[in-house]
C-alpha atoms as a PDB file:
ATOM      1  CA  UNK A   1       0.000   0.000   0.000  1.00  0.00           C
ATOM      2  CA  UNK A   2       1.240   3.492  -0.807  1.00  0.00           C
ATOM      3  CA  UNK A   3       0.844   6.396   1.619  1.00  0.00           C
ATOM      4  CA  UNK A   4       0.750  10.099   0.800  1.00  0.00           C
ATOM      5  CA  UNK A   5       0.719  13.436   2.603  1.00  0.00           C
ATOM      6  CA  UNK A   6      -1.216  16.524   1.607  1.00  0.00           C
ATOM      7  CA  UNK A   7      -0.224  19.859   3.126  1.00  0.00           C
ATOM      8  CA  UNK A   8      -2.288  23.016   3.507  1.00  0.00           C
ATOM      9  CA  UNK A   9       0.160  25.769   4.361  1.00  0.00           C
ATOM     10  CA  UNK A  10      -0.317  29.175   5.959  1.00  0.00           C
ATOM     11  CA  UNK A  11       2.301  31.600   7.271  1.00  0.00           C
ATOM     12  CA  UNK A  12       2.351  30.139  10.777  1.00  0.00           C
ATOM     13  CA  UNK A  13       1.017  26.608  10.537  1.00  0.00           C
ATOM     14  CA  UNK A  14       0.640  23.621   8.269  1.00  0.00           C
ATOM     15  CA  UNK A  15      -2.304  21.217   8.222  1.00  0.00           C
ATOM     16  CA  UNK A  16      -1.108  17.705   7.341  1.00  0.00           C
ATOM     17  CA  UNK A  17      -3.389  14.969   6.024  1.00  0.00           C
ATOM     18  CA  UNK A  18      -2.052  11.443   5.597  1.00  0.00           C
ATOM     19  CA  UNK A  19      -3.989   9.116   3.319  1.00  0.00           C
ATOM     20  CA  UNK A  20      -3.503   5.772   1.616  1.00  0.00           C
ATOM     21  CA  UNK A  21      -3.665   4.753  -2.032  1.00  0.00           C
ATOM     22  CA  UNK A  22      -7.419   4.194  -1.759  1.00  0.00           C
ATOM     23  CA  UNK A  23      -8.014   7.718  -0.466  1.00  0.00           C
ATOM     24  CA  UNK A  24      -8.709   6.761   3.153  1.00  0.00           C
ATOM     25  CA  UNK A  25      -7.609   9.433   5.613  1.00  0.00           C
ATOM     26  CA  UNK A  26      -5.324   7.933   8.261  1.00  0.00           C
ATOM     27  CA  UNK A  27      -4.071  10.972  10.181  1.00  0.00           C
ATOM     28  CA  UNK A  28      -4.720  14.688  10.349  1.00  0.00           C
ATOM     29  CA  UNK A  29      -2.620  17.112  12.329  1.00  0.00           C
ATOM     30  CA  UNK A  30      -1.722  20.778  12.497  1.00  0.00           C
ATOM     31  CA  UNK A  31       1.945  21.620  12.893  1.00  0.00           C
ATOM     32  CA  UNK A  32       4.030  24.782  13.049  1.00  0.00           C
ATOM     33  CA  UNK A  33       5.327  25.811   9.628  1.00  0.00           C
ATOM     34  CA  UNK A  34       8.858  24.553  10.199  1.00  0.00           C
ATOM     35  CA  UNK A  35      10.527  22.069   7.847  1.00  0.00           C
ATOM     36  CA  UNK A  36      12.021  20.180  10.802  1.00  0.00           C
ATOM     37  CA  UNK A  37       8.606  19.799  12.498  1.00  0.00           C
ATOM     38  CA  UNK A  38       6.892  18.582   9.319  1.00  0.00           C
ATOM     39  CA  UNK A  39       9.721  16.209   8.334  1.00  0.00           C
ATOM     40  CA  UNK A  40       9.965  14.855  11.885  1.00  0.00           C
ATOM     41  CA  UNK A  41       6.250  14.091  12.002  1.00  0.00           C
ATOM     42  CA  UNK A  42       6.274  12.377   8.597  1.00  0.00           C
ATOM     43  CA  UNK A  43       9.403  10.375   9.390  1.00  0.00           C
ATOM     44  CA  UNK A  44       7.985   9.166  12.717  1.00  0.00           C
ATOM     45  CA  UNK A  45       4.927   7.563  11.088  1.00  0.00           C
ATOM     46  CA  UNK A  46       4.761   3.762  11.092  1.00  0.00           C
ATOM     47  CA  UNK A  47       4.675   3.670   7.280  1.00  0.00           C
ATOM     48  CA  UNK A  48       6.732   5.391   4.578  1.00  0.00           C
ATOM     49  CA  UNK A  49       5.289   8.412   2.780  1.00  0.00           C
ATOM     50  CA  UNK A  50       5.478   7.891  -0.984  1.00  0.00           C
ATOM     51  CA  UNK A  51       4.884  11.526  -1.960  1.00  0.00           C
ATOM     52  CA  UNK A  52       3.967  14.886  -0.444  1.00  0.00           C
ATOM     53  CA  UNK A  53       1.714  17.300  -2.301  1.00  0.00           C
ATOM     54  CA  UNK A  54       0.744  20.924  -1.657  1.00  0.00           C
ATOM     55  CA  UNK A  55      -0.568  23.896  -3.600  1.00  0.00           C
ATOM     56  CA  UNK A  56       1.696  26.655  -4.827  1.00  0.00           C
ATOM     57  CA  UNK A  57       1.912  29.850  -2.827  1.00  0.00           C
ATOM     58  CA  UNK A  58       4.342  32.319  -1.324  1.00  0.00           C
ATOM     59  CA  UNK A  59       6.088  29.647   0.761  1.00  0.00           C
ATOM     60  CA  UNK A  60       6.186  26.940  -1.909  1.00  0.00           C
ATOM     61  CA  UNK A  61       9.888  27.193  -2.723  1.00  0.00           C
ATOM     62  CA  UNK A  62      10.926  27.038   0.917  1.00  0.00           C
ATOM     63  CA  UNK A  63       8.686  24.032   1.552  1.00  0.00           C
ATOM     64  CA  UNK A  64       9.602  22.249  -1.689  1.00  0.00           C
ATOM     65  CA  UNK A  65      13.369  22.515  -1.292  1.00  0.00           C
ATOM     66  CA  UNK A  66      13.283  21.980   2.468  1.00  0.00           C
ATOM     67  CA  UNK A  67      11.329  18.721   2.232  1.00  0.00           C
ATOM     68  CA  UNK A  68      13.390  17.580  -0.778  1.00  0.00           C
ATOM     69  CA  UNK A  69      16.526  18.093   1.323  1.00  0.00           C
ATOM     70  CA  UNK A  70      14.948  15.869   3.999  1.00  0.00           C
ATOM     71  CA  UNK A  71      14.614  13.071   1.404  1.00  0.00           C
ATOM     72  CA  UNK A  72      10.930  13.310   0.478  1.00  0.00           C
ATOM     73  CA  UNK A  73       9.403  13.138  -3.008  1.00  0.00           C
ATOM     74  CA  UNK A  74       7.547  16.452  -3.233  1.00  0.00           C
ATOM     75  CA  UNK A  75       4.964  17.739  -5.741  1.00  0.00           C
ATOM     76  CA  UNK A  76       3.881  21.369  -5.868  1.00  0.00           C
ATOM     77  CA  UNK A  77       0.528  21.681  -7.666  1.00  0.00           C
END
C-alpha cells in the first residue's frame, strides 16, 4: 500500500493529512510551519510516505526545497 501526505500551508502553521492509495484518511494534524517539524512528524509515522503534495503559494519554494533536502518526493501543484 502506498501512503501520501497533503499539506495546507499558511504563514504560521501547516495542516497535514495522511492518506492511503485508496483515499482513506489515516491521520490529520496541524503543525508549526517549520521544515524540521513537518519532516519529523512524517518520518515518525509507522509507514513510509510515498509523496507529499501541496498547492503553490508564497512559501512553496521554501517548503519544496526543504522537504526535498529531507529526502521526500515532493509535488507542488
